[in-house]
Amino acid sequence: MKAHTYPYIYAVPLFVSLFLGAGSAFEFPEMDGWSRQNIPDQYNAQNLYDYIDGAADLYLRYDFRKLNVMNYENTDGAFVTIDLYEHSDDLNAFGIYSQERLPGSTRIPLGVEGYTEQGILNFLKGRYYVKVSGYGLRGDSLLTDFASLMEESIDGTNLLPREFSLFPAEGRIPGTEMYIPGDYLGHSFLQSVYTVDYKRDGNAVTLFLVDAGDSLGVRHIVESYYSITQNDGDTKSVSSLVVSLNDPYHQSDGPVHLRWEGRYIWGIYSDDITLVERLLSEVK
């Protein structure tokens, strides 16, 4: 993290206000016993590299807009830093959060969702991705205190993107929801992709759903899948419910099986056709 030199103001019942988006004010809270810099450090798409260097490209992929960083210090020499990332909308904020979410972390009911690891607490609310980190703390309870005050001050929804409600519940592994804006599995024709991991009958699979925009977009995806297999000698089979194709770039994962309706197309890579047909048929 960058070193910062700044004057402190001491804990009083005041707030630093900034404007996050049109007409919406946000307040960085004061905390008793903690001093805080006067003005948060601010970054945009042009200079985000100065703060997170190699990770900036991933944030920009999710339509990052700006970052405000507030630093706190107490008399014992402990530090807390709050990073407030703003993205263009709720979906992109969820997307970057889902990319960084740690599978084995402790989940907390904060905002849309959040998690903790030693010395860090990250959560999501609306179009904001918030990271609270500490150094020299005696336990992590103070991170929860800071994060709770932040969550109360942030405008936005506490709900997952609605597409995740289309996924079936049975066998769904909690906390595996992800959003990928483009090039899913290396395929340029798979854009705006939602994924959830499942475990059924001892088999682990990932179900993906694509928002293709309309029926023409769905047709483009199906034809694109066919085009990458048309010259490699692989067979293509169609059941009453599912189109199955052999993807030459992901042969070890099994064939890809697809269904679609309206603007959505969804699928699974798997060798277990019985599991595939059951799971695909349960998408709402």
Protein backbone atom coordinates (compact mmCIF):
# COMPACT_ATOMS: atom_id res chain seq x y z
CA MET A 1 0.00 0.00 0.00
CA LYS A 2 1.15 3.55 -0.68
CA ALA A 3 2.53 5.58 2.18
CA HIS A 4 0.39 8.58 3.01
CA THR A 5 1.25 11.83 4.69
CA TYR A 6 -1.70 13.84 5.84
CA PRO A 7 -2.98 15.94 8.72
CA TYR A 8 -5.40 14.24 11.13
CA ILE A 9 -8.58 15.55 12.62
CA TYR A 10 -9.66 13.96 15.86
CA ALA A 11 -12.80 12.03 16.61
CA VAL A 12 -15.79 14.32 16.83
CA PRO A 13 -19.40 13.74 15.72
CA LEU A 14 -18.74 14.93 12.17
CA PHE A 15 -18.61 13.24 8.76
CA VAL A 16 -16.64 13.72 5.60
CA SER A 17 -19.09 13.90 2.71
CA LEU A 18 -18.37 13.18 -0.92
CA PHE A 19 -20.62 12.79 -3.88
CA LEU A 20 -20.85 9.33 -5.39
CA GLY A 21 -22.93 9.56 -8.53
CA ALA A 22 -25.51 12.15 -9.35
CA GLY A 23 -27.17 13.57 -6.30
CA SER A 24 -26.16 10.84 -3.83
CA ALA A 25 -24.05 11.84 -0.84
CA PHE A 26 -21.84 9.44 1.08
CA GLU A 27 -20.26 9.96 4.47
CA PHE A 28 -17.06 8.39 5.75
CA PRO A 29 -17.72 7.92 9.47
CA GLU A 30 -15.73 9.16 12.41
CA MET A 31 -14.82 6.58 15.06
CA ASP A 32 -14.19 7.36 18.73
CA GLY A 33 -10.50 7.12 19.54
CA TRP A 34 -9.43 7.21 15.89
CA SER A 35 -7.99 10.07 13.86
CA ARG A 36 -8.69 10.31 10.18
CA GLN A 37 -7.26 12.13 7.18
CA ASN A 38 -9.07 15.29 6.10
CA ILE A 39 -9.80 14.27 2.51
CA PRO A 40 -9.86 10.73 1.09
CA ASP A 41 -7.32 9.75 -1.55
CA GLN A 42 -9.12 9.58 -4.89
CA TYR A 43 -8.46 7.50 -8.00
CA ASN A 44 -10.14 7.12 -11.37
CA ALA A 45 -9.78 4.85 -14.39
CA GLN A 46 -6.68 6.73 -15.53
CA ASN A 47 -4.63 6.42 -12.35
CA LEU A 48 -6.04 3.32 -10.61
CA TYR A 49 -2.76 1.58 -11.53
CA ASP A 50 -1.02 3.85 -9.03
CA TYR A 51 -2.94 2.21 -6.20
CA ILE A 52 -3.50 -1.43 -7.16
CA ASP A 53 -1.05 -1.78 -10.05
CA GLY A 54 -1.50 -5.19 -11.71
CA ALA A 55 -5.08 -5.66 -10.51
CA ALA A 56 -6.33 -2.50 -12.21
CA ASP A 57 -7.06 -4.20 -15.54
CA LEU A 58 -9.57 -6.54 -13.90
CA TYR A 59 -11.37 -3.63 -12.23
CA LEU A 60 -11.53 -1.71 -15.50
CA ARG A 61 -13.05 -4.76 -17.16
CA TYR A 62 -15.94 -4.37 -14.72
CA ASP A 63 -16.50 -0.72 -15.66
CA PHE A 64 -14.75 0.81 -12.65
CA ARG A 65 -15.54 4.51 -12.18
CA LYS A 66 -13.72 5.76 -9.08
CA LEU A 67 -12.10 4.83 -5.79
CA ASN A 68 -11.99 6.76 -2.52
CA VAL A 69 -9.53 5.64 0.17
CA MET A 70 -9.85 6.76 3.79
CA ASN A 71 -7.15 6.04 6.38
CA TYR A 72 -7.59 5.94 10.16
CA GLU A 73 -5.05 5.66 13.01
CA ASN A 74 -5.40 5.36 16.78
CA THR A 75 -3.04 6.28 19.60
CA ASP A 76 -1.79 2.68 19.87
CA GLY A 77 -0.39 2.87 16.35
CA ALA A 78 -3.07 0.69 14.76
CA PHE A 79 -4.32 1.51 11.27
CA VAL A 80 -7.58 0.94 9.38
CA THR A 81 -8.00 1.65 5.67
CA ILE A 82 -11.35 1.77 3.87
CA ASP A 83 -11.34 1.38 0.08
CA LEU A 84 -14.63 2.38 -1.53
CA TYR A 85 -14.80 1.24 -5.17
CA GLU A 86 -17.63 2.57 -7.31
CA HIS A 87 -18.61 0.80 -10.54
CA SER A 88 -21.09 1.78 -13.24
CA ASP A 89 -23.90 -0.41 -11.88
CA ASP A 90 -24.79 -3.14 -9.39
CA LEU A 91 -23.95 -5.96 -11.80
CA ASN A 92 -20.39 -4.85 -12.48
CA ALA A 93 -19.77 -4.23 -8.79
CA PHE A 94 -20.98 -7.76 -8.06
CA GLY A 95 -18.78 -9.07 -10.86
CA ILE A 96 -15.51 -7.74 -9.46
CA TYR A 97 -16.54 -8.79 -5.94
CA SER A 98 -17.26 -12.32 -7.19
CA GLN A 99 -13.86 -12.50 -8.84
CA GLU A 100 -12.04 -11.64 -5.61
CA ARG A 101 -14.26 -13.48 -3.11
CA LEU A 102 -12.24 -16.12 -1.25
CA PRO A 103 -13.87 -19.60 -1.31
CA GLY A 104 -12.83 -20.59 2.23
CA SER A 105 -13.54 -17.27 3.89
CA THR A 106 -16.05 -16.59 6.66
CA ARG A 107 -19.29 -15.18 5.24
CA ILE A 108 -21.06 -12.30 6.97
CA PRO A 109 -24.58 -10.86 6.47
CA LEU A 110 -23.52 -7.40 5.37
CA GLY A 111 -24.85 -5.65 2.28
CA VAL A 112 -25.51 -8.04 -0.60
CA GLU A 113 -22.93 -10.31 1.00
CA GLY A 114 -19.52 -10.05 2.58
CA TYR A 115 -16.67 -12.09 3.96
CA THR A 116 -13.80 -11.82 6.39
CA GLU A 117 -10.25 -13.10 6.52
CA GLN A 118 -7.57 -12.20 9.04
CA GLY A 119 -7.12 -8.44 8.92
CA ILE A 120 -9.64 -7.83 6.10
CA LEU A 121 -13.39 -7.47 5.62
CA ASN A 122 -14.89 -7.03 2.15
CA PHE A 123 -18.55 -6.54 1.26
CA LEU A 124 -20.80 -5.44 -1.57
CA LYS A 125 -23.77 -3.10 -1.66
CA GLY A 126 -25.37 -1.73 -4.80
CA ARG A 127 -22.70 -0.47 -7.16
CA TYR A 128 -20.11 -0.17 -4.36
CA TYR A 129 -17.44 -2.70 -3.43
CA VAL A 130 -16.00 -1.93 0.01
CA LYS A 131 -12.75 -3.21 1.49
CA VAL A 132 -11.87 -2.63 5.13
CA SER A 133 -8.40 -3.67 6.25
CA GLY A 134 -6.46 -3.22 9.48
CA TYR A 135 -2.97 -3.41 10.88
CA GLY A 136 -2.02 -3.69 14.53
CA LEU A 137 -5.56 -4.42 15.67
CA ARG A 138 -6.41 -6.58 18.66
CA GLY A 139 -8.79 -8.89 16.85
CA ASP A 140 -10.97 -8.05 13.87
CA SER A 141 -14.15 -6.85 15.63
CA LEU A 142 -13.25 -3.22 14.86
CA LEU A 143 -13.32 -4.02 11.15
CA THR A 144 -16.95 -5.08 11.57
CA ASP A 145 -17.71 -1.83 13.39
CA PHE A 146 -16.20 0.25 10.58
CA ALA A 147 -17.87 -1.85 7.89
CA SER A 148 -21.30 -1.67 9.53
CA LEU A 149 -21.15 2.12 9.63
CA MET A 150 -20.11 2.16 5.99
CA GLU A 151 -22.94 -0.17 4.97
CA GLU A 152 -25.51 2.02 6.70
CA SER A 153 -24.31 5.06 4.77
CA ILE A 154 -24.24 3.52 1.30
CA ASP A 155 -27.29 3.74 -0.94
CA GLY A 156 -28.13 0.68 -3.01
CA THR A 157 -29.71 -2.75 -3.10
CA ASN A 158 -28.82 -5.68 -0.86
CA LEU A 159 -29.96 -8.24 -3.45
CA LEU A 160 -28.02 -10.46 -5.83
CA PRO A 161 -28.52 -9.68 -9.55
CA ARG A 162 -31.94 -11.05 -10.53
CA GLU A 163 -30.54 -13.60 -13.01
CA PHE A 164 -29.29 -15.70 -10.11
CA SER A 165 -32.91 -16.29 -9.11
CA LEU A 166 -33.31 -18.28 -12.35
CA PHE A 167 -30.85 -20.93 -11.17
CA PRO A 168 -32.26 -24.04 -9.42
CA ALA A 169 -31.80 -24.48 -5.68
CA GLU A 170 -31.09 -28.21 -5.31
CA GLY A 171 -27.37 -28.94 -5.06
CA ARG A 172 -26.44 -25.27 -5.38
CA ILE A 173 -23.19 -24.44 -3.58
CA PRO A 174 -23.67 -21.19 -1.59
CA GLY A 175 -21.36 -18.32 -2.37
CA THR A 176 -20.27 -19.58 -5.81
CA GLU A 177 -22.30 -17.10 -7.87
CA MET A 178 -20.13 -15.23 -10.36
CA TYR A 179 -20.61 -12.74 -13.20
CA ILE A 180 -18.22 -12.63 -16.17
CA PRO A 181 -18.74 -9.73 -18.61
CA GLY A 182 -17.11 -11.39 -21.62
CA ASP A 183 -14.96 -14.11 -23.14
CA TYR A 184 -16.24 -16.82 -20.83
CA LEU A 185 -14.00 -19.91 -21.13
CA GLY A 186 -12.07 -18.04 -23.80
CA HIS A 187 -15.04 -17.80 -26.19
CA SER A 188 -15.61 -14.30 -27.55
CA PHE A 189 -19.27 -15.11 -28.25
CA LEU A 190 -20.03 -15.77 -24.56
CA GLN A 191 -20.72 -12.32 -23.09
CA SER A 192 -22.70 -11.33 -19.95
CA VAL A 193 -22.36 -14.72 -18.29
CA TYR A 194 -23.71 -15.78 -14.88
CA THR A 195 -22.37 -18.96 -13.26
CA VAL A 196 -23.17 -21.08 -10.20
CA ASP A 197 -21.44 -24.26 -9.00
CA TYR A 198 -23.44 -27.39 -8.17
CA LYS A 199 -22.85 -30.75 -6.57
CA ARG A 200 -25.35 -33.51 -7.24
CA ASP A 201 -25.02 -37.26 -6.91
CA GLY A 202 -21.34 -36.81 -6.18
CA ASN A 203 -20.76 -34.83 -9.40
CA ALA A 204 -19.47 -31.26 -9.44
CA VAL A 205 -20.56 -29.05 -12.37
CA THR A 206 -20.83 -25.37 -13.20
CA LEU A 207 -24.10 -24.14 -14.68
CA PHE A 208 -23.78 -21.00 -16.81
CA LEU A 209 -26.45 -18.66 -18.11
CA VAL A 210 -25.93 -16.03 -20.82
CA ASP A 211 -28.03 -12.94 -21.30
CA ALA A 212 -27.89 -12.79 -25.10
CA GLY A 213 -30.14 -9.73 -25.34
CA ASP A 214 -32.74 -11.32 -27.63
CA SER A 215 -33.48 -14.43 -29.69
CA LEU A 216 -31.05 -13.32 -32.40
CA GLY A 217 -28.30 -13.13 -29.83
CA VAL A 218 -29.14 -16.66 -28.67
CA ARG A 219 -29.00 -17.90 -32.28
CA HIS A 220 -25.58 -16.28 -32.69
CA ILE A 221 -24.22 -18.17 -29.69
CA VAL A 222 -25.55 -21.53 -30.92
CA GLU A 223 -24.18 -20.95 -34.42
CA SER A 224 -20.83 -19.86 -32.96
CA TYR A 225 -20.59 -23.10 -30.98
CA TYR A 226 -21.38 -25.07 -34.13
CA SER A 227 -18.77 -23.16 -36.12
CA ILE A 228 -15.88 -24.13 -33.82
CA THR A 229 -16.76 -27.83 -34.15
CA GLN A 230 -17.86 -28.08 -37.80
CA ASN A 231 -14.45 -29.02 -39.20
CA ASP A 232 -12.99 -31.19 -36.46
CA GLY A 233 -14.97 -34.39 -37.07
CA ASP A 234 -16.78 -34.23 -33.72
CA THR A 235 -20.39 -35.33 -33.68
CA LYS A 236 -23.29 -33.16 -32.68
CA SER A 237 -26.40 -34.62 -31.11
CA VAL A 238 -29.81 -33.16 -30.35
CA SER A 239 -32.18 -34.65 -27.77
CA SER A 240 -35.74 -33.53 -27.20
CA LEU A 241 -34.52 -30.92 -24.72
CA VAL A 242 -30.80 -30.37 -25.07
CA VAL A 243 -28.34 -29.59 -27.85
CA SER A 244 -24.96 -31.24 -27.16
CA LEU A 245 -21.71 -30.38 -28.90
CA ASN A 246 -18.07 -31.25 -28.43
CA ASP A 247 -16.08 -28.11 -27.69
CA PRO A 248 -12.54 -28.75 -29.03
CA TYR A 249 -11.07 -26.24 -26.58
CA HIS A 250 -12.54 -27.88 -23.46
CA GLN A 251 -12.59 -31.57 -24.26
CA SER A 252 -11.50 -32.63 -20.77
CA ASP A 253 -14.64 -31.04 -19.32
CA GLY A 254 -16.97 -33.15 -21.46
CA PRO A 255 -19.42 -31.98 -24.14
CA VAL A 256 -21.26 -28.70 -23.73
CA HIS A 257 -25.03 -29.06 -23.40
CA LEU A 258 -27.28 -26.11 -24.19
CA ARG A 259 -30.88 -24.99 -23.75
CA TRP A 260 -32.45 -21.62 -24.44
CA GLU A 261 -35.60 -19.57 -24.17
CA GLY A 262 -36.27 -15.92 -24.98
CA ARG A 263 -33.13 -13.84 -24.43
CA TYR A 264 -31.31 -16.47 -22.34
CA ILE A 265 -29.21 -19.48 -23.19
CA TRP A 266 -27.80 -21.76 -20.50
CA GLY A 267 -25.54 -24.77 -20.42
CA ILE A 268 -23.16 -27.20 -18.69
CA TYR A 269 -19.97 -28.97 -19.63
CA SER A 270 -20.34 -32.57 -18.42
CA ASP A 271 -20.28 -36.25 -19.46
CA ASP A 272 -23.32 -37.07 -17.32
CA ILE A 273 -26.24 -36.46 -19.69
CA THR A 274 -28.85 -37.52 -17.10
CA LEU A 275 -27.60 -34.94 -14.63
CA VAL A 276 -27.34 -32.37 -17.41
CA GLU A 277 -30.92 -32.79 -18.61
CA ARG A 278 -32.29 -32.63 -15.07
CA LEU A 279 -30.33 -29.54 -14.10
CA LEU A 280 -30.94 -27.63 -17.34
CA SER A 281 -34.66 -28.37 -17.19
CA GLU A 282 -34.88 -26.80 -13.72
CA VAL A 283 -33.71 -23.34 -14.81
CA LYS A 284 -36.71 -21.05 -14.32
